[in-house]
């Protein structure tokens, strides 16, 4: 009496039947996902500039408050610089995104 083995076979048979469908068969049209210009044209960006910048500000504000509570001025200075740098990077990327969407 080998119950675990029979149980495995039973599960394997049902999984095989479930997974071997026409949908799972590879076709000529199957293309692995890639970040191409065609893909970027098809996908419109969903987050607004304000939402992105507010999320960035909120994240850094929380980290700054933790550094302030711990009394670490060097961490506060580093976070302030990092926030301004990241803000500039995001502004540039968002400008590029806006320019691409206007095409």
PDB file of N, CA and C in Angstrom:
ATOM      1  N   UNK A   1       0.851  -1.181   0.000  1.00  0.00           N
ATOM      2  CA  UNK A   1       0.000   0.000   0.000  1.00  0.00           C
ATOM      3  C   UNK A   1       0.895   1.241   0.000  1.00  0.00           C
ATOM      4  N   UNK A   2       0.905   1.959  -1.112  1.00  0.00           N
ATOM      5  CA  UNK A   2       1.773   3.113  -1.267  1.00  0.00           C
ATOM      6  C   UNK A   2       0.915   4.335  -1.592  1.00  0.00           C
ATOM      7  N   UNK A   3       0.230   4.852  -0.611  1.00  0.00           N
ATOM      8  CA  UNK A   3      -0.726   5.943  -0.818  1.00  0.00           C
ATOM      9  C   UNK A   3      -0.098   7.250  -1.295  1.00  0.00           C
ATOM     10  N   UNK A   4       1.018   7.702  -0.721  1.00  0.00           N
ATOM     11  CA  UNK A   4       1.558   8.970  -1.200  1.00  0.00           C
ATOM     12  C   UNK A   4       1.884   8.940  -2.687  1.00  0.00           C
ATOM     13  N   UNK A   5       2.406   7.809  -3.187  1.00  0.00           N
ATOM     14  CA  UNK A   5       2.747   7.709  -4.596  1.00  0.00           C
ATOM     15  C   UNK A   5       1.493   7.777  -5.466  1.00  0.00           C
ATOM     16  N   UNK A   6       0.434   7.079  -5.062  1.00  0.00           N
ATOM     17  CA  UNK A   6      -0.821   7.132  -5.831  1.00  0.00           C
ATOM     18  C   UNK A   6      -1.404   8.540  -5.810  1.00  0.00           C
ATOM     19  N   UNK A   7      -1.298   9.192  -4.681  1.00  0.00           N
ATOM     20  CA  UNK A   7      -1.798  10.562  -4.578  1.00  0.00           C
ATOM     21  C   UNK A   7      -1.055  11.508  -5.510  1.00  0.00           C
ATOM     22  N   UNK A   8       0.246  11.323  -5.596  1.00  0.00           N
ATOM     23  CA  UNK A   8       1.042  12.157  -6.500  1.00  0.00           C
ATOM     24  C   UNK A   8       0.656  11.909  -7.951  1.00  0.00           C
ATOM     25  N   UNK A   9       0.461  10.633  -8.297  1.00  0.00           N
ATOM     26  CA  UNK A   9       0.059  10.315  -9.670  1.00  0.00           C
ATOM     27  C   UNK A   9      -1.281  10.946 -10.006  1.00  0.00           C
ATOM     28  N   UNK A  10      -2.211  10.862  -9.078  1.00  0.00           N
ATOM     29  CA  UNK A  10      -3.549  11.422  -9.281  1.00  0.00           C
ATOM     30  C   UNK A  10      -3.457  12.929  -9.531  1.00  0.00           C
ATOM     31  N   UNK A  11      -2.696  13.614  -8.692  1.00  0.00           N
ATOM     32  CA  UNK A  11      -2.535  15.061  -8.847  1.00  0.00           C
ATOM     33  C   UNK A  11      -1.833  15.376 -10.159  1.00  0.00           C
ATOM     34  N   UNK A  12      -0.794  14.636 -10.495  1.00  0.00           N
ATOM     35  CA  UNK A  12      -0.058  14.868 -11.728  1.00  0.00           C
ATOM     36  C   UNK A  12      -0.944  14.674 -12.957  1.00  0.00           C
ATOM     37  N   UNK A  13      -1.801  13.640 -12.947  1.00  0.00           N
ATOM     38  CA  UNK A  13      -2.703  13.418 -14.079  1.00  0.00           C
ATOM     39  C   UNK A  13      -3.657  14.591 -14.247  1.00  0.00           C
ATOM     40  N   UNK A  14      -4.208  15.070 -13.143  1.00  0.00           N
ATOM     41  CA  UNK A  14      -5.155  16.186 -13.244  1.00  0.00           C
ATOM     42  C   UNK A  14      -4.462  17.483 -13.641  1.00  0.00           C
ATOM     43  N   UNK A  15      -3.275  17.699 -13.126  1.00  0.00           N
ATOM     44  CA  UNK A  15      -2.533  18.894 -13.521  1.00  0.00           C
ATOM     45  C   UNK A  15      -2.151  18.841 -14.989  1.00  0.00           C
ATOM     46  N   UNK A  16      -1.742  17.683 -15.456  1.00  0.00           N
ATOM     47  CA  UNK A  16      -1.373  17.531 -16.855  1.00  0.00           C
ATOM     48  C   UNK A  16      -2.567  17.814 -17.750  1.00  0.00           C
ATOM     49  N   UNK A  17      -3.725  17.299 -17.383  1.00  0.00           N
ATOM     50  CA  UNK A  17      -4.934  17.574 -18.165  1.00  0.00           C
ATOM     51  C   UNK A  17      -5.278  19.059 -18.127  1.00  0.00           C
ATOM     52  N   UNK A  18      -5.072  19.673 -16.975  1.00  0.00           N
ATOM     53  CA  UNK A  18      -5.392  21.089 -16.818  1.00  0.00           C
ATOM     54  C   UNK A  18      -4.427  21.969 -17.607  1.00  0.00           C
ATOM     55  N   UNK A  19      -3.156  21.621 -17.603  1.00  0.00           N
ATOM     56  CA  UNK A  19      -2.148  22.464 -18.242  1.00  0.00           C
ATOM     57  C   UNK A  19      -1.971  22.187 -19.724  1.00  0.00           C
ATOM     58  N   UNK A  20      -2.297  21.012 -20.192  1.00  0.00           N
ATOM     59  CA  UNK A  20      -2.160  20.684 -21.603  1.00  0.00           C
ATOM     60  C   UNK A  20      -3.417  21.092 -22.365  1.00  0.00           C
ATOM     61  N   UNK A  21      -3.574  22.374 -22.551  1.00  0.00           N
ATOM     62  CA  UNK A  21      -4.711  22.885 -23.314  1.00  0.00           C
ATOM     63  C   UNK A  21      -4.185  23.511 -24.595  1.00  0.00           C
ATOM     64  N   UNK A  22      -5.082  23.859 -25.472  1.00  0.00           N
ATOM     65  CA  UNK A  22      -4.675  24.502 -26.715  1.00  0.00           C
ATOM     66  C   UNK A  22      -4.051  25.866 -26.443  1.00  0.00           C
ATOM     67  N   UNK A  23      -4.479  26.519 -25.359  1.00  0.00           N
ATOM     68  CA  UNK A  23      -3.919  27.822 -25.020  1.00  0.00           C
ATOM     69  C   UNK A  23      -2.447  27.732 -24.655  1.00  0.00           C
ATOM     70  N   UNK A  24      -2.052  26.634 -24.040  1.00  0.00           N
ATOM     71  CA  UNK A  24      -0.675  26.524 -23.568  1.00  0.00           C
ATOM     72  C   UNK A  24       0.298  26.106 -24.662  1.00  0.00           C
ATOM     73  N   UNK A  25      -0.196  25.745 -25.829  1.00  0.00           N
ATOM     74  CA  UNK A  25       0.670  25.341 -26.927  1.00  0.00           C
ATOM     75  C   UNK A  25       1.291  26.592 -27.543  1.00  0.00           C
ATOM     76  N   UNK A  26       2.593  26.555 -27.760  1.00  0.00           N
ATOM     77  CA  UNK A  26       3.300  27.701 -28.310  1.00  0.00           C
ATOM     78  C   UNK A  26       2.908  27.911 -29.774  1.00  0.00           C
ATOM     79  N   UNK A  27       2.670  29.154 -30.136  1.00  0.00           N
ATOM     80  CA  UNK A  27       2.325  29.492 -31.516  1.00  0.00           C
ATOM     81  C   UNK A  27       3.396  30.405 -32.094  1.00  0.00           C
ATOM     82  N   UNK A  28       3.267  30.671 -33.387  1.00  0.00           N
ATOM     83  CA  UNK A  28       4.220  31.543 -34.068  1.00  0.00           C
ATOM     84  C   UNK A  28       4.112  32.969 -33.542  1.00  0.00           C
ATOM     85  N   UNK A  29       2.915  33.366 -33.104  1.00  0.00           N
ATOM     86  CA  UNK A  29       2.688  34.731 -32.638  1.00  0.00           C
ATOM     87  C   UNK A  29       3.210  34.987 -31.229  1.00  0.00           C
ATOM     88  N   UNK A  30       3.636  33.949 -30.525  1.00  0.00           N
ATOM     89  CA  UNK A  30       4.143  34.132 -29.164  1.00  0.00           C
ATOM     90  C   UNK A  30       5.467  34.886 -29.206  1.00  0.00           C
ATOM     91  N   UNK A  31       5.474  36.032 -28.579  1.00  0.00           N
ATOM     92  CA  UNK A  31       6.677  36.845 -28.511  1.00  0.00           C
ATOM     93  C   UNK A  31       6.937  37.150 -27.044  1.00  0.00           C
ATOM     94  N   UNK A  32       8.144  36.924 -26.571  1.00  0.00           N
ATOM     95  CA  UNK A  32       8.413  37.254 -25.170  1.00  0.00           C
ATOM     96  C   UNK A  32       8.273  38.760 -24.955  1.00  0.00           C
ATOM     97  N   UNK A  33       7.815  39.157 -23.787  1.00  0.00           N
ATOM     98  CA  UNK A  33       7.617  40.590 -23.546  1.00  0.00           C
ATOM     99  C   UNK A  33       8.945  41.338 -23.576  1.00  0.00           C
ATOM    100  N   UNK A  34       8.946  42.421 -24.300  1.00  0.00           N
ATOM    101  CA  UNK A  34      10.140  43.260 -24.402  1.00  0.00           C
ATOM    102  C   UNK A  34       9.706  44.715 -24.348  1.00  0.00           C
ATOM    103  N   UNK A  35      10.582  45.530 -23.829  1.00  0.00           N
ATOM    104  CA  UNK A  35      10.312  46.958 -23.783  1.00  0.00           C
ATOM    105  C   UNK A  35      10.812  47.564 -25.088  1.00  0.00           C
ATOM    106  N   UNK A  36       9.942  47.567 -26.074  1.00  0.00           N
ATOM    107  CA  UNK A  36      10.291  48.097 -27.381  1.00  0.00           C
ATOM    108  C   UNK A  36       9.501  49.369 -27.626  1.00  0.00           C
ATOM    109  N   UNK A  37       9.867  50.081 -28.671  1.00  0.00           N
ATOM    110  CA  UNK A  37       9.147  51.303 -29.007  1.00  0.00           C
ATOM    111  C   UNK A  37       7.688  50.995 -29.328  1.00  0.00           C
ATOM    112  N   UNK A  38       7.460  49.874 -30.003  1.00  0.00           N
ATOM    113  CA  UNK A  38       6.090  49.477 -30.336  1.00  0.00           C
ATOM    114  C   UNK A  38       5.274  49.230 -29.067  1.00  0.00           C
ATOM    115  N   UNK A  39       5.885  48.582 -28.078  1.00  0.00           N
ATOM    116  CA  UNK A  39       5.198  48.329 -26.808  1.00  0.00           C
ATOM    117  C   UNK A  39       4.921  49.636 -26.082  1.00  0.00           C
ATOM    118  N   UNK A  40       5.878  50.545 -26.109  1.00  0.00           N
ATOM    119  CA  UNK A  40       5.681  51.838 -25.449  1.00  0.00           C
ATOM    120  C   UNK A  40       4.571  52.645 -26.109  1.00  0.00           C
ATOM    121  N   UNK A  41       4.460  52.533 -27.434  1.00  0.00           N
ATOM    122  CA  UNK A  41       3.386  53.244 -28.127  1.00  0.00           C
ATOM    123  C   UNK A  41       2.018  52.697 -27.745  1.00  0.00           C
ATOM    124  N   UNK A  42       1.953  51.401 -27.509  1.00  0.00           N
ATOM    125  CA  UNK A  42       0.672  50.765 -27.198  1.00  0.00           C
ATOM    126  C   UNK A  42       0.224  51.031 -25.766  1.00  0.00           C
ATOM    127  N   UNK A  43       1.176  51.290 -24.885  1.00  0.00           N
ATOM    128  CA  UNK A  43       0.844  51.468 -23.470  1.00  0.00           C
ATOM    129  C   UNK A  43       0.916  52.952 -23.123  1.00  0.00           C
ATOM    130  N   UNK A  44      -0.160  53.482 -22.650  1.00  0.00           N
ATOM    131  CA  UNK A  44      -0.162  54.863 -22.198  1.00  0.00           C
ATOM    132  C   UNK A  44       0.162  54.897 -20.715  1.00  0.00           C
ATOM    133  N   UNK A  45       0.910  55.905 -20.320  1.00  0.00           N
ATOM    134  CA  UNK A  45       1.313  56.024 -18.925  1.00  0.00           C
ATOM    135  C   UNK A  45       0.108  56.395 -18.069  1.00  0.00           C
ATOM    136  N   UNK A  46      -0.037  55.716 -16.941  1.00  0.00           N
ATOM    137  CA  UNK A  46      -1.237  55.902 -16.139  1.00  0.00           C
ATOM    138  C   UNK A  46      -1.050  56.864 -14.976  1.00  0.00           C
ATOM    139  N   UNK A  47       0.155  57.050 -14.510  1.00  0.00           N
ATOM    140  CA  UNK A  47       0.361  57.916 -13.351  1.00  0.00           C
ATOM    141  C   UNK A  47       0.594  59.348 -13.798  1.00  0.00           C
ATOM    142  N   UNK A  48      -0.056  60.253 -13.112  1.00  0.00           N
ATOM    143  CA  UNK A  48       0.128  61.661 -13.445  1.00  0.00           C
ATOM    144  C   UNK A  48       1.417  62.174 -12.814  1.00  0.00           C
ATOM    145  N   UNK A  49       1.881  63.276 -13.335  1.00  0.00           N
ATOM    146  CA  UNK A  49       3.094  63.910 -12.809  1.00  0.00           C
ATOM    147  C   UNK A  49       2.924  64.246 -11.332  1.00  0.00           C
ATOM    148  N   UNK A  50       1.767  64.794 -10.972  1.00  0.00           N
ATOM    149  CA  UNK A  50       1.524  65.175  -9.574  1.00  0.00           C
ATOM    150  C   UNK A  50       1.547  63.964  -8.650  1.00  0.00           C
ATOM    151  N   UNK A  51       0.947  62.882  -9.096  1.00  0.00           N
ATOM    152  CA  UNK A  51       0.911  61.677  -8.261  1.00  0.00           C
ATOM    153  C   UNK A  51       2.321  61.130  -8.018  1.00  0.00           C
ATOM    154  N   UNK A  52       3.136  61.103  -9.053  1.00  0.00           N
ATOM    155  CA  UNK A  52       4.505  60.609  -8.917  1.00  0.00           C
ATOM    156  C   UNK A  52       5.303  61.490  -7.967  1.00  0.00           C
ATOM    157  N   UNK A  53       5.206  62.797  -8.154  1.00  0.00           N
ATOM    158  CA  UNK A  53       5.973  63.706  -7.309  1.00  0.00           C
ATOM    159  C   UNK A  53       5.471  63.683  -5.867  1.00  0.00           C
ATOM    160  N   UNK A  54       4.175  63.543  -5.670  1.00  0.00           N
ATOM    161  CA  UNK A  54       3.635  63.444  -4.309  1.00  0.00           C
ATOM    162  C   UNK A  54       4.100  62.169  -3.621  1.00  0.00           C
ATOM    163  N   UNK A  55       4.142  61.053  -4.352  1.00  0.00           N
ATOM    164  CA  UNK A  55       4.648  59.800  -3.774  1.00  0.00           C
ATOM    165  C   UNK A  55       6.114  59.934  -3.372  1.00  0.00           C
ATOM    166  N   UNK A  56       6.899  60.570  -4.213  1.00  0.00           N
ATOM    167  CA  UNK A  56       8.313  60.786  -3.902  1.00  0.00           C
ATOM    168  C   UNK A  56       8.460  61.649  -2.657  1.00  0.00           C
ATOM    169  N   UNK A  57       7.703  62.733  -2.596  1.00  0.00           N
ATOM    170  CA  UNK A  57       7.775  63.635  -1.443  1.00  0.00           C
ATOM    171  C   UNK A  57       7.350  62.924  -0.160  1.00  0.00           C
ATOM    172  N   UNK A  58       6.286  62.156  -0.238  1.00  0.00           N
ATOM    173  CA  UNK A  58       5.796  61.431   0.941  1.00  0.00           C
ATOM    174  C   UNK A  58       6.837  60.431   1.446  1.00  0.00           C
ATOM    175  N   UNK A  59       7.464  59.724   0.524  1.00  0.00           N
ATOM    176  CA  UNK A  59       8.466  58.735   0.905  1.00  0.00           C
ATOM    177  C   UNK A  59       9.651  59.404   1.608  1.00  0.00           C
ATOM    178  N   UNK A  60      10.144  60.494   1.033  1.00  0.00           N
ATOM    179  CA  UNK A  60      11.279  61.177   1.643  1.00  0.00           C
ATOM    180  C   UNK A  60      10.884  61.893   2.931  1.00  0.00           C
ATOM    181  N   UNK A  61       9.664  62.397   3.003  1.00  0.00           N
ATOM    182  CA  UNK A  61       9.215  63.069   4.224  1.00  0.00           C
ATOM    183  C   UNK A  61       9.199  62.081   5.395  1.00  0.00           C
ATOM    184  N   UNK A  62       8.714  60.865   5.156  1.00  0.00           N
ATOM    185  CA  UNK A  62       8.706  59.843   6.212  1.00  0.00           C
ATOM    186  C   UNK A  62      10.124  59.510   6.659  1.00  0.00           C
ATOM    187  N   UNK A  63      11.029  59.342   5.708  1.00  0.00           N
ATOM    188  CA  UNK A  63      12.422  59.027   6.053  1.00  0.00           C
ATOM    189  C   UNK A  63      13.072  60.198   6.782  1.00  0.00           C
ATOM    190  N   UNK A  64      12.755  61.415   6.365  1.00  0.00           N
ATOM    191  CA  UNK A  64      13.319  62.602   7.009  1.00  0.00           C
ATOM    192  C   UNK A  64      12.822  62.722   8.445  1.00  0.00           C
ATOM    193  N   UNK A  65      11.543  62.441   8.659  1.00  0.00           N
ATOM    194  CA  UNK A  65      10.983  62.496  10.021  1.00  0.00           C
ATOM    195  C   UNK A  65      11.636  61.454  10.924  1.00  0.00           C
ATOM    196  N   UNK A  66      11.919  60.275  10.393  1.00  0.00           N
ATOM    197  CA  UNK A  66      12.612  59.250  11.189  1.00  0.00           C
ATOM    198  C   UNK A  66      14.024  59.703  11.551  1.00  0.00           C
ATOM    199  N   UNK A  67      14.717  60.310  10.588  1.00  0.00           N
ATOM    200  CA  UNK A  67      16.069  60.807  10.862  1.00  0.00           C
ATOM    201  C   UNK A  67      16.023  61.954  11.862  1.00  0.00           C
ATOM    202  N   UNK A  68      15.003  62.785  11.753  1.00  0.00           N
ATOM    203  CA  UNK A  68      14.842  63.911  12.681  1.00  0.00           C
ATOM    204  C   UNK A  68      14.568  63.402  14.093  1.00  0.00           C
ATOM    205  N   UNK A  69      13.728  62.365  14.195  1.00  0.00           N
ATOM    206  CA  UNK A  69      13.401  61.793  15.505  1.00  0.00           C
ATOM    207  C   UNK A  69      14.628  61.138  16.143  1.00  0.00           C
ATOM    208  N   UNK A  70      15.500  60.578  15.327  1.00  0.00           N
ATOM    209  CA  UNK A  70      16.703  59.946  15.873  1.00  0.00           C
ATOM    210  C   UNK A  70      17.802  60.973  16.144  1.00  0.00           C
ATOM    211  N   UNK A  71      17.600  62.211  15.689  1.00  0.00           N
ATOM    212  CA  UNK A  71      18.572  63.274  15.942  1.00  0.00           C
ATOM    213  C   UNK A  71      19.850  63.128  15.143  1.00  0.00           C
ATOM    214  N   UNK A  72      19.733  62.663  13.918  1.00  0.00           N
ATOM    215  CA  UNK A  72      20.907  62.440  13.070  1.00  0.00           C
ATOM    216  C   UNK A  72      20.974  63.519  11.986  1.00  0.00           C
ATOM    217  N   UNK A  73      21.723  64.614  12.230  1.00  0.00           N
ATOM    218  CA  UNK A  73      21.757  65.705  11.241  1.00  0.00           C
ATOM    219  C   UNK A  73      22.412  65.304   9.919  1.00  0.00           C
ATOM    220  N   UNK A  74      23.396  64.412   9.956  1.00  0.00           N
ATOM    221  CA  UNK A  74      24.038  64.006   8.698  1.00  0.00           C
ATOM    222  C   UNK A  74      23.064  63.212   7.824  1.00  0.00           C
ATOM    223  N   UNK A  75      22.232  62.386   8.446  1.00  0.00           N
ATOM    224  CA  UNK A  75      21.222  61.627   7.697  1.00  0.00           C
ATOM    225  C   UNK A  75      20.172  62.574   7.117  1.00  0.00           C
ATOM    226  N   UNK A  76      19.803  63.592   7.899  1.00  0.00           N
ATOM    227  CA  UNK A  76      18.820  64.567   7.417  1.00  0.00           C
ATOM    228  C   UNK A  76      19.371  65.324   6.214  1.00  0.00           C
ATOM    229  N   UNK A  77      20.646  65.708   6.272  1.00  0.00           N
ATOM    230  CA  UNK A  77      21.280  66.416   5.157  1.00  0.00           C
ATOM    231  C   UNK A  77      21.356  65.518   3.923  1.00  0.00           C
ATOM    232  N   UNK A  78      21.741  64.272   4.127  1.00  0.00           N
ATOM    233  CA  UNK A  78      21.835  63.328   3.006  1.00  0.00           C
ATOM    234  C   UNK A  78      20.469  63.091   2.373  1.00  0.00           C
ATOM    235  N   UNK A  79      19.433  62.966   3.202  1.00  0.00           N
ATOM    236  CA  UNK A  79      18.083  62.760   2.671  1.00  0.00           C
ATOM    237  C   UNK A  79      17.596  63.980   1.902  1.00  0.00           C
ATOM    238  N   UNK A  80      17.911  65.170   2.401  1.00  0.00           N
ATOM    239  CA  UNK A  80      17.499  66.391   1.709  1.00  0.00           C
ATOM    240  C   UNK A  80      18.151  66.466   0.334  1.00  0.00           C
ATOM    241  N   UNK A  81      19.451  66.179   0.275  1.00  0.00           N
ATOM    242  CA  UNK A  81      20.147  66.183  -1.010  1.00  0.00           C
ATOM    243  C   UNK A  81      19.587  65.110  -1.939  1.00  0.00           C
ATOM    244  N   UNK A  82      19.377  63.914  -1.401  1.00  0.00           N
ATOM    245  CA  UNK A  82      18.847  62.806  -2.212  1.00  0.00           C
ATOM    246  C   UNK A  82      17.473  63.137  -2.769  1.00  0.00           C
ATOM    247  N   UNK A  83      16.644  63.770  -1.945  1.00  0.00           N
ATOM    248  CA  UNK A  83      15.298  64.126  -2.396  1.00  0.00           C
ATOM    249  C   UNK A  83      15.366  65.097  -3.567  1.00  0.00           C
ATOM    250  N   UNK A  84      16.198  66.130  -3.432  1.00  0.00           N
ATOM    251  CA  UNK A  84      16.293  67.116  -4.517  1.00  0.00           C
ATOM    252  C   UNK A  84      16.855  66.492  -5.786  1.00  0.00           C
ATOM    253  N   UNK A  85      17.842  65.595  -5.637  1.00  0.00           N
ATOM    254  CA  UNK A  85      18.416  64.920  -6.805  1.00  0.00           C
ATOM    255  C   UNK A  85      17.372  64.033  -7.483  1.00  0.00           C
ATOM    256  N   UNK A  86      16.657  63.211  -6.697  1.00  0.00           N
ATOM    257  CA  UNK A  86      15.622  62.334  -7.253  1.00  0.00           C
ATOM    258  C   UNK A  86      14.495  63.140  -7.890  1.00  0.00           C
ATOM    259  N   UNK A  87      14.162  64.258  -7.277  1.00  0.00           N
ATOM    260  CA  UNK A  87      13.118  65.116  -7.836  1.00  0.00           C
ATOM    261  C   UNK A  87      13.538  65.616  -9.220  1.00  0.00           C
ATOM    262  N   UNK A  88      14.782  66.022  -9.347  1.00  0.00           N
ATOM    263  CA  UNK A  88      15.295  66.478 -10.638  1.00  0.00           C
ATOM    264  C   UNK A  88      15.277  65.348 -11.664  1.00  0.00           C
ATOM    265  N   UNK A  89      15.723  64.157 -11.267  1.00  0.00           N
ATOM    266  CA  UNK A  89      15.698  63.006 -12.175  1.00  0.00           C
ATOM    267  C   UNK A  89      14.283  62.703 -12.656  1.00  0.00           C
ATOM    268  N   UNK A  90      13.341  62.699 -11.718  1.00  0.00           N
ATOM    269  CA  UNK A  90      11.959  62.403 -12.101  1.00  0.00           C
ATOM    270  C   UNK A  90      11.391  63.484 -13.012  1.00  0.00           C
ATOM    271  N   UNK A  91      11.715  64.736 -12.746  1.00  0.00           N
ATOM    272  CA  UNK A  91      11.239  65.814 -13.616  1.00  0.00           C
ATOM    273  C   UNK A  91      11.743  65.610 -15.040  1.00  0.00           C
ATOM    274  N   UNK A  92      13.006  65.238 -15.175  1.00  0.00           N
ATOM    275  CA  UNK A  92      13.570  65.002 -16.510  1.00  0.00           C
ATOM    276  C   UNK A  92      12.876  63.821 -17.183  1.00  0.00           C
ATOM    277  N   UNK A  93      12.724  62.725 -16.458  1.00  0.00           N
ATOM    278  CA  UNK A  93      12.059  61.549 -17.032  1.00  0.00           C
ATOM    279  C   UNK A  93      10.613  61.843 -17.406  1.00  0.00           C
ATOM    280  N   UNK A  94       9.929  62.604 -16.579  1.00  0.00           N
ATOM    281  CA  UNK A  94       8.540  62.942 -16.884  1.00  0.00           C
ATOM    282  C   UNK A  94       8.451  63.870 -18.088  1.00  0.00           C
ATOM    283  N   UNK A  95       9.424  64.767 -18.242  1.00  0.00           N
ATOM    284  CA  UNK A  95       9.454  65.615 -19.434  1.00  0.00           C
ATOM    285  C   UNK A  95       9.661  64.773 -20.689  1.00  0.00           C
ATOM    286  N   UNK A  96      10.538  63.785 -20.611  1.00  0.00           N
ATOM    287  CA  UNK A  96      10.760  62.884 -21.752  1.00  0.00           C
ATOM    288  C   UNK A  96       9.485  62.109 -22.056  1.00  0.00           C
ATOM    289  N   UNK A  97       8.825  61.611 -21.001  1.00  0.00           N
ATOM    290  CA  UNK A  97       7.577  60.869 -21.197  1.00  0.00           C
ATOM    291  C   UNK A  97       6.521  61.748 -21.867  1.00  0.00           C
ATOM    292  N   UNK A  98       6.390  62.978 -21.388  1.00  0.00           N
ATOM    293  CA  UNK A  98       5.405  63.887 -21.978  1.00  0.00           C
ATOM    294  C   UNK A  98       5.722  64.181 -23.440  1.00  0.00           C
ATOM    295  N   UNK A  99       7.002  64.341 -23.753  1.00  0.00           N
ATOM    296  CA  UNK A  99       7.398  64.598 -25.139  1.00  0.00           C
ATOM    297  C   UNK A  99       7.094  63.393 -26.025  1.00  0.00           C
ATOM    298  N   UNK A 100       7.313  62.188 -25.505  1.00  0.00           N
ATOM    299  CA  UNK A 100       7.022  60.977 -26.279  1.00  0.00           C
ATOM    300  C   UNK A 100       5.524  60.817 -26.512  1.00  0.00           C
ATOM    301  N   UNK A 101       4.719  61.187 -25.533  1.00  0.00           N
ATOM    302  CA  UNK A 101       3.268  61.048 -25.686  1.00  0.00           C
ATOM    303  C   UNK A 101       2.705  62.045 -26.687  1.00  0.00           C
ATOM    304  N   UNK A 102       3.371  63.175 -26.860  1.00  0.00           N
ATOM    305  CA  UNK A 102       2.881  64.202 -27.792  1.00  0.00           C
ATOM    306  C   UNK A 102       3.169  63.848 -29.241  1.00  0.00           C
ATOM    307  N   UNK A 103       4.055  62.891 -29.475  1.00  0.00           N
ATOM    308  CA  UNK A 103       4.395  62.498 -30.850  1.00  0.00           C
ATOM    309  C   UNK A 103       3.211  61.986 -31.588  1.00  0.00           C
TER     310      UNK A 103
END
